[in-house]
C-alpha cells in the first residue's frame, strides 16, 4: 500500500484536535445508530420513576385501601368466609382472632410474595415470627375489618 504524495501536505494542514473531535463524533454516531436504530432491536424503555422498567410495567395499578366505617363480627363458622379471600387480588388474613383485609398491602409486603402463602388463613404463628419487627402490628392495624367471635 503506497501512501499518496499529497498525504504529507494534508497531514501538515490538519490539527490533531480536529482529528480527535471527528473521531469522537464518529464513535458517538455509531453508538447511537447501533443502540436506537438497529432493526430487530427495540430501543431501551425509559423506567417509570426510580423503578426498573420491567418491574414498573409488570405491576397492575394499585388499589387504594379505604378503611371500613363499621367492623363486622365474624363467627367461628365464618372462618370459611375468610378462606374465600385467598388470592393476590382479594387477600384476607386472621391474626389473633382479628380479620384483616390486606389486599392493598400485598404488593408493598417487604417479604415479597411470601404473604400469599398465608392469605385466607389464620396466620398468627407466621405473623408473630422473628422476621417481623414490632412496628408491623401498627401497619397491620390499618387493615382491620373484624373479629372472629368464639
Protein backbone atom coordinates (compact mmCIF):
# COMPACT_ATOMS: atom_id res chain seq x y z
CA UNK A 1 0.00 0.00 0.00
CA UNK A 2 1.60 3.23 -1.17
CA UNK A 3 0.82 6.49 0.50
CA UNK A 4 -0.34 9.28 -1.87
CA UNK A 5 2.21 12.05 -2.39
CA UNK A 6 -0.14 14.81 -1.28
CA UNK A 7 -0.94 12.98 2.02
CA UNK A 8 2.03 14.67 3.70
CA UNK A 9 0.75 18.13 2.79
CA UNK A 10 -2.73 17.16 4.01
CA UNK A 11 -1.39 15.94 7.37
CA UNK A 12 0.56 19.15 7.82
CA UNK A 13 -2.65 21.20 7.49
CA UNK A 14 -4.80 19.07 9.86
CA UNK A 15 -4.69 19.88 13.55
CA UNK A 16 -4.69 16.87 15.95
CA UNK A 17 -7.66 18.29 17.89
CA UNK A 18 -9.74 18.21 14.70
CA UNK A 19 -8.93 14.52 14.22
CA UNK A 20 -9.93 13.77 17.83
CA UNK A 21 -13.22 15.68 17.51
CA UNK A 22 -14.18 13.95 14.25
CA UNK A 23 -13.21 10.58 15.74
CA UNK A 24 -15.36 11.17 18.83
CA UNK A 25 -18.31 12.24 16.70
CA UNK A 26 -17.94 9.11 14.56
CA UNK A 27 -17.92 6.87 17.64
CA UNK A 28 -20.99 8.63 19.04
CA UNK A 29 -22.89 8.24 15.76
CA UNK A 30 -22.06 4.53 15.58
CA UNK A 31 -23.19 4.04 19.19
CA UNK A 32 -26.48 5.90 18.69
CA UNK A 33 -27.28 4.08 15.47
CA UNK A 34 -26.48 0.67 16.96
CA UNK A 35 -28.44 1.40 20.14
CA UNK A 36 -31.57 3.03 18.77
CA UNK A 37 -31.90 2.26 15.08
CA UNK A 38 -30.76 -1.33 14.64
CA UNK A 39 -33.55 -3.38 13.03
CA UNK A 40 -34.98 -6.07 15.29
CA UNK A 41 -33.60 -4.46 18.42
CA UNK A 42 -36.09 -2.30 20.32
CA UNK A 43 -34.97 0.98 21.82
CA UNK A 44 -34.43 0.81 25.59
CA UNK A 45 -37.55 1.63 27.58
CA UNK A 46 -37.48 4.53 29.99
CA UNK A 47 -38.13 3.47 33.57
CA UNK A 48 -41.07 4.96 35.46
CA UNK A 49 -39.70 6.93 38.39
CA UNK A 50 -36.80 5.13 40.00
CA UNK A 51 -38.12 1.59 39.42
CA UNK A 52 -36.72 -0.70 36.73
CA UNK A 53 -38.79 -0.62 33.52
CA UNK A 54 -39.69 -4.33 33.55
CA UNK A 55 -40.90 -4.23 37.13
CA UNK A 56 -42.87 -1.00 36.64
CA UNK A 57 -44.59 -2.37 33.52
CA UNK A 58 -45.43 -5.72 35.15
CA UNK A 59 -47.33 -4.33 38.14
CA UNK A 60 -51.06 -3.75 37.79
CA UNK A 61 -52.47 -0.47 39.08
CA UNK A 62 -52.62 -0.45 42.86
CA UNK A 63 -55.97 -0.45 44.65
CA UNK A 64 -56.17 2.21 47.31
CA UNK A 65 -57.19 0.91 50.73
CA UNK A 66 -60.16 2.58 52.36
CA UNK A 67 -60.71 1.59 55.98
CA UNK A 68 -64.24 0.43 56.73
CA UNK A 69 -66.52 2.62 58.81
CA UNK A 70 -68.10 -0.40 60.53
CA UNK A 71 -66.43 -3.58 61.65
CA UNK A 72 -68.06 -6.93 61.07
CA UNK A 73 -68.01 -9.57 63.77
CA UNK A 74 -67.28 -12.95 62.25
CA UNK A 75 -68.42 -16.12 63.96
CA UNK A 76 -66.15 -19.14 64.23
CA UNK A 77 -68.11 -20.87 61.47
CA UNK A 78 -67.34 -17.89 59.23
CA UNK A 79 -63.62 -18.71 59.09
CA UNK A 80 -64.69 -20.35 55.84
CA UNK A 81 -65.67 -16.89 54.61
CA UNK A 82 -62.13 -15.65 55.28
CA UNK A 83 -60.77 -18.67 53.41
CA UNK A 84 -62.55 -17.47 50.25
CA UNK A 85 -60.32 -14.37 50.24
CA UNK A 86 -57.10 -16.15 49.35
CA UNK A 87 -55.66 -14.50 46.24
CA UNK A 88 -53.43 -11.59 45.32
CA UNK A 89 -56.50 -9.57 44.30
CA UNK A 90 -58.57 -10.46 47.37
CA UNK A 91 -56.41 -11.19 50.41
CA UNK A 92 -57.67 -11.54 53.98
CA UNK A 93 -55.76 -12.93 56.95
CA UNK A 94 -56.53 -13.76 60.58
CA UNK A 95 -54.07 -12.76 63.33
CA UNK A 96 -55.01 -13.27 66.99
CA UNK A 97 -58.68 -13.80 66.07
CA UNK A 98 -58.84 -10.48 64.19
CA UNK A 99 -59.56 -10.30 60.47
CA UNK A 100 -57.55 -8.04 58.18
CA UNK A 101 -58.10 -7.21 54.51
CA UNK A 102 -54.51 -6.91 53.27
CA UNK A 103 -55.33 -6.84 49.55
CA UNK A 104 -53.90 -3.36 49.04
CA UNK A 105 -50.78 -4.26 51.03
CA UNK A 106 -49.75 -7.41 49.13
CA UNK A 107 -47.59 -5.51 46.63
CA UNK A 108 -45.93 -3.50 49.43
CA UNK A 109 -45.07 -6.53 51.58
CA UNK A 110 -41.35 -6.43 52.37
CA UNK A 111 -41.15 -10.24 52.16
CA UNK A 112 -42.43 -10.23 48.58
CA UNK A 113 -44.99 -12.87 47.68
CA UNK A 114 -44.43 -14.81 50.93
CA UNK A 115 -47.61 -13.21 52.28
CA UNK A 116 -49.59 -15.02 49.58
CA UNK A 117 -48.78 -18.36 51.24
CA UNK A 118 -50.96 -17.30 54.19
CA UNK A 119 -53.88 -15.33 52.77
CA UNK A 120 -57.26 -16.82 53.61
CA UNK A 121 -55.90 -18.50 56.75
CA UNK A 122 -55.08 -17.91 60.40
CA UNK A 123 -51.53 -16.55 60.16
CA UNK A 124 -50.95 -15.82 63.84
CA UNK A 125 -47.88 -18.09 64.19
CA UNK A 126 -46.28 -16.86 60.98
CA UNK A 127 -47.07 -13.24 61.78
CA UNK A 128 -45.52 -13.46 65.25
CA UNK A 129 -42.27 -14.85 63.80
CA UNK A 130 -38.85 -13.25 64.24
CA UNK A 131 -38.93 -11.85 60.69
CA UNK A 132 -41.47 -9.17 61.66
CA UNK A 133 -40.39 -6.14 63.70
CA UNK A 134 -42.74 -4.75 66.37
CA UNK A 135 -43.93 -1.89 64.15
CA UNK A 136 -45.57 -4.38 61.77
CA UNK A 137 -48.54 -4.59 64.15
CA UNK A 138 -49.14 -0.85 63.59
CA UNK A 139 -49.12 -1.42 59.84
CA UNK A 140 -51.50 -4.38 60.18
CA UNK A 141 -53.95 -2.39 62.33
CA UNK A 142 -54.71 -0.18 59.31
CA UNK A 143 -56.29 -3.18 57.55
CA UNK A 144 -58.50 -4.42 60.42
CA UNK A 145 -62.05 -5.31 59.31
CA UNK A 146 -63.48 -7.51 62.05
CA UNK A 147 -63.15 -10.13 64.79
CA UNK A 148 -63.60 -13.87 64.95
CA UNK A 149 -66.04 -14.49 67.79
CA UNK A 150 -65.53 -17.56 69.92
